[in-house]
Amino acid sequence: MSVNSAVSQRTATASGAYVVARIGAKALDFISLMVLARLLTPGDFGLIAIAMVFIQVVEAIFEVPVGAILMRARPLTRALLDTGFTLSSIRGLVVFGVLAGVAFAIAHLYSDPRLKWLVMALACAPLARSFASIRLVLYGRRLEARPQFWLEVGGKAASLIASVTVAATTRSYWAIAVATLTSPIVSTAGSYFFAPYVPRFRLSEWRSFSGFMGWITLNQLFSALLWQFDKLVLGRFVSARTLGGFYVAGNLSTLPFQVIGTPILRPFAAALAISHVRNTLVGAYQKATRGVCLIMAPIIIALALLAHPIVILLLGAKWEGSSQWLAFLALASLPALPIQTLPSLCVALNKAGSIAARSGLEFALYLPMVTLGYFWLGIAGVIGAKFLSLVVSAAFSLFLVRSLLNLSIREQLQNLIEPAIAALAMGLVMRILIVTLQEPRDRIALIAYTFGVGGFGMIAYGLVAAGLWNAAGRRDGAERVVAHILMKLARSL
């Protein structure tokens, strides 16, 4: 096996393990969401949405890329670990202090006194995460996912039990807040079991972090505003019930990125550092980008075309209005797929300013578009603005990658032909089935309908993708890893 194939195999294996961990955690999140959606109201979720917008924006403003820097550090010393932990702790305390300070202003801005205590309580979540054992990064550098699995699943299991208990006994929006708080607290406590560490507060290696903090923090701020600005606008002009429906639809539309995208990109960042040393960045970047698109595109398409039955089955009939927003939000996120790997590439090349420039351009376009979109077309205009800003960002990224890797735009687009054709075939098959078959009202029949239509779409996608891969000479990448796994399963059976 070649060096490149070995790195690809290790990365794919670690990605699969991270995905399994994330799927397990999100399955528990799903159960929690299904229960809470039936016990609480869309208005309760709308109130939480307003608070979470400010939590996530303030977190982004004070983002410290400790994990990314330690992943690529050579060598990784105790002093670096201590400095990373100290910076993370300071950041958590600052975030908590800022949010506690502005909580009363937020409550006044939205004329809802409940927000002041809610914001202060939710601010404890980033505070808890900031004190996690810094030595967990050692597992990431070795592409080991076992601790991440148990921490993710353990935290979400505790969150499920706590939130459902509060919701069943109080029918209060505080159940959602309890869910948000419990998971990071339990995960942080568990991190010291898997990665024992005695905190030592010092900043002796501050210079190793300072060069990255400005640009990456700026990028995180733009990214947070991009994902949250629509809720800031809607929170001022629509009811809490409407905002709650949009908020839940938005959370469902980002599940493919959280469940699949984030776990894949963790080992990819480590693999890029290895590839950079071996001067194989172009191949690693192309394979990772195509792999992300191949894996995530069919999930997003299925989520969009089956949005109505998915919402009815998961959340109940009172959330039916959210299904149209889920469908359009999912489709609007497709242009984001090819650019998921770009931040890791920029970090590997010490070009954090480039990714900040891209995010800044996207935000500069999105800010006026989402405002004008809402006043022109309402929520549909907001979703359209998100789609257009992502298209522009994807186009800008093509030129950025060309300058970073000397990789032509034509080569980058050719790398995405197979996922695009397979996705179109899947969408066509599913659309024909949806038009031909009437959506049933019975719950059992609706489950069968959803899995049947989605299943046929996935089969069509897999067959077309496999045929294109075979025609292209069975090149190294995600397709080969999937084929290898299927062959092993076939032999075992």
Protein backbone atom coordinates (compact mmCIF):
# COMPACT_ATOMS: atom_id res chain seq x y z
CA MET A 1 0.00 0.00 0.00
CA SER A 2 1.35 3.46 -0.95
CA VAL A 3 1.93 6.20 1.62
CA ASN A 4 -0.97 8.23 0.21
CA SER A 5 -3.33 5.25 0.32
CA ALA A 6 -2.27 4.48 3.88
CA VAL A 7 -3.01 8.04 4.96
CA SER A 8 -6.35 7.92 3.13
CA GLN A 9 -7.23 4.62 4.81
CA ARG A 10 -6.38 5.90 8.30
CA THR A 11 -8.27 9.13 7.69
CA ALA A 12 -11.31 7.27 6.35
CA THR A 13 -11.29 4.85 9.29
CA ALA A 14 -11.06 7.68 11.81
CA SER A 15 -13.76 9.62 9.94
CA GLY A 16 -16.04 6.60 10.10
CA ALA A 17 -15.48 6.26 13.83
CA TYR A 18 -16.18 9.95 14.39
CA VAL A 19 -19.32 9.68 12.29
CA VAL A 20 -20.53 6.71 14.35
CA ALA A 21 -19.92 8.73 17.52
CA ARG A 22 -21.79 11.70 16.13
CA ILE A 23 -24.66 9.55 14.86
CA GLY A 24 -25.01 8.01 18.31
CA ALA A 25 -25.06 11.44 19.93
CA LYS A 26 -27.48 12.90 17.39
CA ALA A 27 -29.77 9.89 17.71
CA LEU A 28 -30.15 10.80 21.37
CA ASP A 29 -30.65 14.44 20.34
CA PHE A 30 -33.39 13.27 17.97
CA ILE A 31 -35.16 11.43 20.75
CA SER A 32 -34.88 14.49 22.98
CA LEU A 33 -36.17 16.77 20.21
CA MET A 34 -39.10 14.46 19.46
CA VAL A 35 -40.14 14.35 23.11
CA LEU A 36 -39.63 18.06 23.78
CA ALA A 37 -41.46 19.03 20.57
CA ARG A 38 -44.53 17.20 21.84
CA LEU A 39 -44.32 18.47 25.42
CA LEU A 40 -43.44 22.09 24.61
CA THR A 41 -44.61 24.69 22.08
CA PRO A 42 -42.94 26.37 19.07
CA GLY A 43 -42.97 29.56 21.15
CA ASP A 44 -40.72 27.90 23.74
CA PHE A 45 -38.22 27.00 21.02
CA GLY A 46 -38.45 30.54 19.65
CA LEU A 47 -37.45 31.98 23.01
CA ILE A 48 -34.45 29.64 23.18
CA ALA A 49 -33.55 30.58 19.59
CA ILE A 50 -33.19 34.26 20.51
CA ALA A 51 -30.94 33.44 23.47
CA MET A 52 -28.81 30.96 21.50
CA VAL A 53 -28.15 33.50 18.74
CA PHE A 54 -26.33 35.75 21.19
CA ILE A 55 -24.57 32.83 22.90
CA GLN A 56 -23.13 31.58 19.61
CA VAL A 57 -22.14 35.02 18.32
CA VAL A 58 -20.30 35.96 21.53
CA GLU A 59 -18.61 32.55 21.54
CA ALA A 60 -17.40 33.21 18.00
CA ILE A 61 -16.09 36.68 18.83
CA PHE A 62 -13.81 35.21 21.49
CA GLU A 63 -12.96 32.03 19.60
CA VAL A 64 -9.48 30.67 20.35
CA PRO A 65 -8.43 27.91 17.87
CA VAL A 66 -6.61 25.90 20.50
CA GLY A 67 -7.45 22.47 19.07
CA ALA A 68 -6.49 23.34 15.49
CA ILE A 69 -3.12 24.73 16.57
CA LEU A 70 -2.27 21.82 18.85
CA MET A 71 -3.26 19.34 16.12
CA ARG A 72 -0.53 20.67 13.85
CA ALA A 73 2.13 21.50 16.48
CA ARG A 74 5.47 19.74 16.00
CA PRO A 75 6.51 18.80 18.66
CA LEU A 76 3.61 18.98 21.11
CA THR A 77 5.10 19.93 24.49
CA ARG A 78 3.62 20.17 27.98
CA ALA A 79 4.11 23.94 27.83
CA LEU A 80 1.96 24.11 24.68
CA LEU A 81 -0.77 22.02 26.32
CA ASP A 82 -0.76 24.21 29.45
CA THR A 83 -0.90 27.39 27.39
CA GLY A 84 -3.74 25.98 25.31
CA PHE A 85 -5.71 25.05 28.44
CA THR A 86 -5.08 28.47 30.01
CA LEU A 87 -6.26 30.30 26.89
CA SER A 88 -9.34 28.09 26.67
CA SER A 89 -10.17 28.77 30.33
CA ILE A 90 -9.73 32.53 29.95
CA ARG A 91 -11.92 32.48 26.88
CA GLY A 92 -14.70 30.60 28.72
CA LEU A 93 -14.66 33.07 31.60
CA VAL A 94 -14.69 36.06 29.25
CA VAL A 95 -17.61 34.65 27.24
CA PHE A 96 -19.59 34.04 30.42
CA GLY A 97 -18.82 37.52 31.74
CA VAL A 98 -19.82 39.26 28.51
CA LEU A 99 -23.08 37.33 28.19
CA ALA A 100 -23.97 37.93 31.82
CA GLY A 101 -23.27 41.62 31.27
CA VAL A 102 -25.50 41.99 28.19
CA ALA A 103 -28.31 39.68 29.36
CA PHE A 104 -30.43 42.55 30.68
CA ALA A 105 -29.93 44.53 27.46
CA ILE A 106 -31.06 41.53 25.37
CA ALA A 107 -34.18 41.13 27.51
CA HIS A 108 -34.96 44.83 27.03
CA LEU A 109 -34.30 44.70 23.26
CA TYR A 110 -36.81 41.88 22.77
CA SER A 111 -39.18 43.06 25.52
CA ASP A 112 -39.07 39.69 27.29
CA PRO A 113 -37.72 39.62 30.88
CA ARG A 114 -37.33 35.83 30.71
CA LEU A 115 -34.34 36.28 28.44
CA LYS A 116 -32.03 37.79 31.07
CA TRP A 117 -31.96 34.67 33.25
CA LEU A 118 -32.06 32.37 30.25
CA VAL A 119 -29.00 33.98 28.63
CA MET A 120 -27.04 33.86 31.89
CA ALA A 121 -27.90 30.20 32.41
CA LEU A 122 -27.01 29.20 28.85
CA ALA A 123 -23.70 31.07 29.14
CA CYS A 124 -22.59 28.31 31.51
CA ALA A 125 -22.41 25.88 28.55
CA PRO A 126 -19.38 27.48 26.83
CA LEU A 127 -17.85 28.01 30.27
CA ALA A 128 -18.07 24.28 30.97
CA ARG A 129 -16.63 23.33 27.56
CA SER A 130 -13.63 25.60 28.07
CA PHE A 131 -12.40 23.54 31.02
CA ALA A 132 -12.31 20.15 29.20
CA SER A 133 -9.06 18.21 29.41
CA ILE A 134 -6.62 19.64 26.88
CA ARG A 135 -4.98 16.24 26.49
CA LEU A 136 -7.94 15.02 24.42
CA VAL A 137 -6.11 16.53 21.46
CA LEU A 138 -3.62 13.65 21.67
CA TYR A 139 -6.34 11.24 20.54
CA GLY A 140 -7.15 13.47 17.59
CA ARG A 141 -3.51 13.58 16.51
CA ARG A 142 -3.45 9.76 16.54
CA LEU A 143 -6.79 9.61 14.68
CA GLU A 144 -8.40 7.72 17.59
CA ALA A 145 -12.13 8.27 18.04
CA ARG A 146 -13.04 6.03 21.00
CA PRO A 147 -12.98 8.75 23.71
CA GLN A 148 -14.96 11.10 21.48
CA PHE A 149 -17.63 8.45 21.05
CA TRP A 150 -18.15 7.90 24.76
CA LEU A 151 -18.01 11.60 25.62
CA GLU A 152 -20.51 12.51 22.88
CA VAL A 153 -22.92 9.70 23.68
CA GLY A 154 -22.55 9.99 27.46
CA GLY A 155 -23.16 13.73 27.43
CA LYS A 156 -26.20 13.45 25.18
CA ALA A 157 -27.66 10.56 27.21
CA ALA A 158 -27.43 12.62 30.38
CA SER A 159 -28.91 15.59 28.53
CA LEU A 160 -31.83 13.48 27.30
CA ILE A 161 -32.68 12.19 30.76
CA ALA A 162 -32.42 15.61 32.41
CA SER A 163 -34.35 17.58 29.77
CA VAL A 164 -37.19 15.09 29.40
CA THR A 165 -37.58 14.95 33.17
CA VAL A 166 -37.83 18.74 33.43
CA ALA A 167 -40.19 18.97 30.42
CA ALA A 168 -42.51 16.26 31.74
CA THR A 169 -42.74 17.82 35.18
CA THR A 170 -42.80 21.54 34.34
CA ARG A 171 -43.80 21.90 30.62
CA SER A 172 -41.34 24.80 30.64
CA TYR A 173 -38.82 26.15 28.10
CA TRP A 174 -36.22 25.55 30.81
CA ALA A 175 -36.18 21.92 29.69
CA ILE A 176 -34.43 23.01 26.46
CA ALA A 177 -31.94 25.05 28.48
CA VAL A 178 -31.24 22.04 30.72
CA ALA A 179 -30.55 19.95 27.61
CA THR A 180 -28.07 22.56 26.37
CA LEU A 181 -26.27 22.75 29.71
CA THR A 182 -26.11 19.11 30.77
CA SER A 183 -24.20 17.73 27.79
CA PRO A 184 -21.07 19.97 28.04
CA ILE A 185 -20.93 19.62 31.81
CA VAL A 186 -20.99 15.81 31.66
CA SER A 187 -18.60 15.68 28.68
CA THR A 188 -16.09 17.99 30.37
CA ALA A 189 -16.13 15.88 33.53
CA GLY A 190 -15.69 12.71 31.47
CA SER A 191 -12.78 14.17 29.49
CA TYR A 192 -10.55 13.84 32.56
CA PHE A 193 -11.31 10.13 32.74
CA PHE A 194 -10.07 9.52 29.19
CA ALA A 195 -7.31 12.12 29.22
CA PRO A 196 -6.10 12.77 32.79
CA TYR A 197 -4.62 16.21 33.13
CA VAL A 198 -3.60 18.35 36.07
CA PRO A 199 -4.29 21.95 35.02
CA ARG A 200 -1.29 24.25 35.10
CA PHE A 201 -2.07 27.85 34.26
CA ARG A 202 0.66 29.52 32.21
CA LEU A 203 1.09 31.40 28.94
CA SER A 204 4.74 30.64 28.15
CA GLU A 205 3.87 29.48 24.59
CA TRP A 206 1.53 32.36 23.84
CA ARG A 207 3.34 33.22 20.60
CA SER A 208 2.49 29.83 19.09
CA PHE A 209 -1.20 30.77 19.31
CA SER A 210 -1.21 34.53 18.78
CA GLY A 211 -0.46 34.38 15.06
CA PHE A 212 -3.58 32.35 14.37
CA MET A 213 -6.01 33.90 16.82
CA GLY A 214 -6.77 37.10 14.93
CA TRP A 215 -7.67 35.62 11.55
CA ILE A 216 -9.37 32.46 12.79
CA THR A 217 -11.34 34.42 15.37
CA LEU A 218 -12.46 36.81 12.64
CA ASN A 219 -13.50 33.88 10.45
CA GLN A 220 -15.44 32.30 13.32
CA LEU A 221 -17.22 35.60 13.95
CA PHE A 222 -18.26 35.94 10.31
CA SER A 223 -19.37 32.30 10.22
CA ALA A 224 -21.47 32.66 13.38
CA LEU A 225 -23.11 35.82 12.10
CA LEU A 226 -23.81 34.15 8.76
CA TRP A 227 -25.64 31.29 10.44
CA GLN A 228 -27.39 33.40 13.08
CA PHE A 229 -28.15 36.77 11.48
CA ASP A 230 -31.38 35.49 9.93
CA LYS A 231 -32.67 34.63 13.40
CA LEU A 232 -31.61 38.05 14.70
CA VAL A 233 -33.70 39.69 11.97
CA LEU A 234 -36.68 37.36 12.32
CA GLY A 235 -36.62 37.64 16.11
CA ARG A 236 -37.42 41.33 15.79
CA PHE A 237 -40.30 41.00 13.32
CA VAL A 238 -42.04 37.61 13.71
CA SER A 239 -43.75 35.90 16.62
CA ALA A 240 -41.90 33.53 18.94
CA ARG A 241 -43.98 30.68 17.50
CA THR A 242 -42.90 31.45 13.93
CA LEU A 243 -39.28 31.90 14.99
CA GLY A 244 -39.42 28.61 16.89
CA GLY A 245 -40.62 26.76 13.79
CA PHE A 246 -37.88 28.32 11.66
CA TYR A 247 -35.27 27.62 14.35
CA VAL A 248 -36.12 23.92 14.55
CA ALA A 249 -36.21 23.65 10.74
CA GLY A 250 -32.78 25.28 10.61
CA ASN A 251 -31.39 22.86 13.19
CA LEU A 252 -32.71 19.88 11.23
CA SER A 253 -31.25 21.23 7.97
CA THR A 254 -27.76 21.44 9.49
CA LEU A 255 -27.80 17.86 10.84
CA PRO A 256 -25.87 16.45 7.85
CA PHE A 257 -23.10 18.94 8.55
CA GLN A 258 -23.06 18.16 12.27
CA VAL A 259 -23.42 14.38 11.98
CA ILE A 260 -21.28 13.76 8.89
CA GLY A 261 -19.33 16.90 8.01
CA THR A 262 -17.75 17.78 11.36
CA PRO A 263 -16.59 14.21 12.20
CA ILE A 264 -15.07 13.76 8.72
CA LEU A 265 -13.18 17.04 8.93
CA ARG A 266 -11.55 16.29 12.29
CA PRO A 267 -9.23 13.54 11.02
CA PHE A 268 -8.93 15.34 7.69
CA ALA A 269 -7.21 18.25 9.46
CA ALA A 270 -4.66 15.84 10.93
CA ALA A 271 -4.24 14.11 7.55
CA LEU A 272 -3.57 17.47 5.89
CA ALA A 273 -0.71 18.11 8.28
CA ILE A 274 0.78 14.72 7.29
CA SER A 275 0.14 15.37 3.60
CA HIS A 276 1.71 18.82 3.83
CA VAL A 277 4.95 17.26 5.03
CA ARG A 278 4.86 14.77 2.14
CA ASN A 279 3.91 17.38 -0.46
CA THR A 280 0.65 15.66 -1.35
CA LEU A 281 -1.73 18.42 -0.36
CA VAL A 282 -3.44 18.66 -3.74
CA GLY A 283 -4.43 15.00 -3.80
CA ALA A 284 -5.51 15.02 -0.15
CA TYR A 285 -7.63 18.13 -0.64
CA GLN A 286 -9.30 16.83 -3.80
CA LYS A 287 -10.12 13.44 -2.27
CA ALA A 288 -11.49 14.97 0.93
CA THR A 289 -13.62 17.51 -0.93
CA ARG A 290 -15.08 14.87 -3.24
CA GLY A 291 -15.63 12.54 -0.29
CA VAL A 292 -17.54 15.18 1.70
CA CYS A 293 -19.78 15.89 -1.31
CA LEU A 294 -20.33 12.19 -2.10
CA ILE A 295 -21.37 11.36 1.44
CA MET A 296 -23.38 14.43 2.39
CA ALA A 297 -25.19 15.32 -0.86
CA PRO A 298 -27.63 12.36 -0.84
CA ILE A 299 -28.52 12.98 2.81
CA ILE A 300 -29.31 16.64 2.15
CA ILE A 301 -31.39 15.80 -0.94
CA ALA A 302 -33.38 13.15 0.93
CA LEU A 303 -33.94 15.59 3.81
CA ALA A 304 -35.21 18.27 1.40
CA LEU A 305 -37.52 16.08 -0.69
CA LEU A 306 -38.93 14.21 2.31
CA ALA A 307 -39.13 17.24 4.62
CA HIS A 308 -42.90 17.00 5.15
CA PRO A 309 -43.09 13.36 6.33
CA ILE A 310 -39.89 13.77 8.33
CA VAL A 311 -41.31 16.74 10.27
CA ILE A 312 -44.66 14.97 10.84
CA LEU A 313 -42.97 11.80 12.08
CA LEU A 314 -40.34 13.45 14.25
CA LEU A 315 -42.09 16.51 15.65
CA GLY A 316 -45.82 16.01 15.21
CA ALA A 317 -48.59 17.73 13.24
CA LYS A 318 -48.31 21.05 15.11
CA TRP A 319 -44.90 21.55 13.48
CA GLU A 320 -46.16 20.90 9.93
CA GLY A 321 -45.55 24.50 8.88
CA SER A 322 -41.80 24.03 9.43
CA SER A 323 -41.53 21.40 6.70
CA GLN A 324 -41.43 23.86 3.80
CA TRP A 325 -38.67 25.84 5.51
CA LEU A 326 -36.71 22.64 6.16
CA ALA A 327 -36.95 21.67 2.47
CA PHE A 328 -35.67 25.01 1.20
CA LEU A 329 -33.03 25.42 3.92
CA ALA A 330 -31.62 21.99 3.10
CA LEU A 331 -31.43 22.73 -0.63
CA ALA A 332 -29.94 26.17 0.07
CA SER A 333 -27.05 24.52 1.96
CA LEU A 334 -25.84 22.46 -1.04
CA PRO A 335 -23.36 25.13 -2.28
CA ALA A 336 -21.63 24.88 1.11
CA LEU A 337 -20.53 21.27 0.55
CA PRO A 338 -17.42 21.85 -1.63
CA ILE A 339 -16.05 24.50 0.73
CA GLN A 340 -16.19 22.47 3.95
CA THR A 341 -12.55 21.40 3.63
CA LEU A 342 -11.16 24.86 2.88
CA PRO A 343 -10.65 26.07 6.49
CA SER A 344 -8.48 23.04 7.33
CA LEU A 345 -6.44 23.64 4.18
CA CYS A 346 -5.84 27.29 5.07
CA VAL A 347 -4.75 26.36 8.60
CA ALA A 348 -2.34 23.71 7.23
CA LEU A 349 -0.79 26.32 4.93
CA ASN A 350 -0.69 29.10 7.56
CA LYS A 351 -3.16 31.09 5.46
CA ALA A 352 -5.85 31.76 8.05
CA GLY A 353 -6.30 35.27 6.64
CA SER A 354 -7.54 33.83 3.35
CA ILE A 355 -10.45 31.99 4.91
CA ALA A 356 -11.33 35.07 6.98
CA ALA A 357 -11.43 37.12 3.76
CA ARG A 358 -13.81 34.62 2.18
CA SER A 359 -16.13 34.63 5.18
CA GLY A 360 -16.01 38.43 5.30
CA LEU A 361 -17.05 38.67 1.66
CA GLU A 362 -19.89 36.21 2.23
CA PHE A 363 -21.10 38.15 5.26
CA ALA A 364 -20.85 41.52 3.46
CA LEU A 365 -23.20 40.14 0.81
CA TYR A 366 -25.48 38.26 3.19
CA LEU A 367 -26.13 41.15 5.59
CA PRO A 368 -28.03 43.38 3.13
CA MET A 369 -29.51 40.46 1.18
CA VAL A 370 -31.17 38.82 4.17
CA THR A 371 -32.63 42.15 5.33
CA LEU A 372 -33.97 43.05 1.90
CA GLY A 373 -35.06 39.46 1.34
CA TYR A 374 -37.22 39.45 4.45
CA PHE A 375 -38.98 42.73 3.63
CA TRP A 376 -39.50 41.63 0.03
CA LEU A 377 -40.46 37.94 0.34
CA GLY A 378 -40.55 37.19 4.07
CA ILE A 379 -38.90 34.00 5.28
CA ALA A 380 -38.56 32.75 1.68
CA GLY A 381 -36.42 35.82 0.95
CA VAL A 382 -34.20 35.06 3.96
CA ILE A 383 -33.58 31.51 2.71
CA GLY A 384 -32.91 32.79 -0.82
CA ALA A 385 -30.34 35.23 0.55
CA LYS A 386 -28.57 32.37 2.34
CA PHE A 387 -28.41 30.38 -0.90
CA LEU A 388 -27.05 33.27 -2.98
CA SER A 389 -24.38 34.15 -0.42
CA LEU A 390 -23.19 30.53 -0.35
CA VAL A 391 -23.00 30.43 -4.15
CA VAL A 392 -20.81 33.55 -4.16
CA SER A 393 -18.67 32.12 -1.35
CA ALA A 394 -18.21 28.85 -3.26
CA ALA A 395 -17.15 30.77 -6.39
CA PHE A 396 -14.65 32.83 -4.37
CA SER A 397 -13.30 29.61 -2.83
CA LEU A 398 -12.52 28.20 -6.27
CA PHE A 399 -10.18 31.11 -6.96
CA LEU A 400 -8.72 30.92 -3.45
CA VAL A 401 -7.85 27.21 -3.82
CA ARG A 402 -6.34 27.95 -7.21
CA SER A 403 -3.97 30.45 -5.63
CA LEU A 404 -3.14 28.22 -2.65
CA LEU A 405 -2.54 24.91 -4.47
CA ASN A 406 -2.07 25.98 -8.08
CA LEU A 407 -5.11 23.84 -8.81
CA SER A 408 -7.14 25.10 -11.77
CA ILE A 409 -10.84 25.89 -11.46
CA ARG A 410 -11.54 23.32 -14.17
CA GLU A 411 -9.79 20.59 -12.16
CA GLN A 412 -11.72 21.54 -9.04
CA LEU A 413 -15.06 21.40 -10.86
CA GLN A 414 -14.19 18.12 -12.60
CA ASN A 415 -13.57 16.65 -9.16
CA LEU A 416 -17.26 17.28 -8.31
CA ILE A 417 -18.86 15.92 -11.48
CA GLU A 418 -19.56 12.42 -10.09
CA PRO A 419 -21.33 13.63 -6.91
CA ALA A 420 -23.34 16.18 -8.92
CA ILE A 421 -24.55 13.67 -11.53
CA ALA A 422 -25.38 11.05 -8.90
CA ALA A 423 -27.27 13.67 -6.85
CA LEU A 424 -29.32 14.73 -9.88
CA ALA A 425 -30.21 11.10 -10.61
CA MET A 426 -31.27 10.58 -7.00
CA GLY A 427 -33.40 13.72 -6.99
CA LEU A 428 -35.10 12.71 -10.23
CA VAL A 429 -35.95 9.20 -8.96
CA MET A 430 -37.29 10.52 -5.65
CA ARG A 431 -39.32 13.25 -7.33
CA ILE A 432 -40.95 10.73 -9.68
CA LEU A 433 -41.87 8.52 -6.71
CA ILE A 434 -43.23 11.45 -4.68
CA VAL A 435 -45.40 12.62 -7.57
CA THR A 436 -46.58 9.07 -8.36
CA LEU A 437 -47.27 7.89 -4.80
CA GLN A 438 -49.70 9.72 -2.54
CA GLU A 439 -48.29 10.49 0.90
CA PRO A 440 -50.22 8.35 3.43
CA ARG A 441 -51.73 9.71 6.64
CA ASP A 442 -51.37 6.57 8.75
CA ARG A 443 -48.18 6.71 10.84
CA ILE A 444 -46.94 3.20 10.01
CA ALA A 445 -47.64 3.70 6.32
CA LEU A 446 -45.93 7.10 6.44
CA ILE A 447 -42.80 5.52 7.92
CA ALA A 448 -42.80 2.90 5.16
CA TYR A 449 -43.36 5.63 2.54
CA THR A 450 -40.46 7.73 3.85
CA PHE A 451 -38.00 4.85 4.01
CA GLY A 452 -39.20 3.46 0.68
CA VAL A 453 -38.86 6.69 -1.30
CA GLY A 454 -35.59 7.58 0.44
CA GLY A 455 -34.27 4.05 0.01
CA PHE A 456 -34.92 3.95 -3.73
CA GLY A 457 -33.30 7.37 -4.04
CA MET A 458 -30.20 6.16 -2.18
CA ILE A 459 -29.99 3.03 -4.35
CA ALA A 460 -30.15 5.17 -7.49
CA TYR A 461 -27.47 7.45 -6.08
CA GLY A 462 -25.19 4.55 -5.15
CA LEU A 463 -25.55 2.84 -8.54
CA VAL A 464 -24.82 6.01 -10.52
CA ALA A 465 -21.89 6.98 -8.27
CA ALA A 466 -20.41 3.48 -8.49
CA GLY A 467 -20.79 3.43 -12.27
CA LEU A 468 -19.08 6.79 -12.66
CA TRP A 469 -16.28 5.75 -10.30
CA ASN A 470 -15.72 2.55 -12.26
CA ALA A 471 -15.70 4.49 -15.55
CA ALA A 472 -13.11 6.88 -14.11
CA GLY A 473 -10.70 4.03 -13.35
CA ARG A 474 -11.58 3.37 -9.72
CA ARG A 475 -9.37 6.17 -8.41
CA ASP A 476 -8.36 6.43 -4.77
CA GLY A 477 -10.82 8.18 -2.50
CA ALA A 478 -14.07 7.77 -0.57
CA GLU A 479 -15.49 5.42 -3.23
CA ARG A 480 -12.65 2.95 -2.77
CA VAL A 481 -13.06 2.97 1.01
CA VAL A 482 -16.82 2.30 0.69
CA ALA A 483 -16.15 -0.49 -1.84
CA HIS A 484 -13.61 -2.04 0.53
CA ILE A 485 -16.09 -1.98 3.42
CA LEU A 486 -18.84 -3.54 1.28
CA MET A 487 -16.50 -6.29 0.09
CA LYS A 488 -15.57 -7.13 3.68
CA LEU A 489 -19.24 -7.28 4.64
CA ALA A 490 -20.00 -9.52 1.66
CA ARG A 491 -17.22 -11.92 2.63
CA SER A 492 -18.39 -12.08 6.24
CA LEU A 493 -21.90 -12.95 5.08
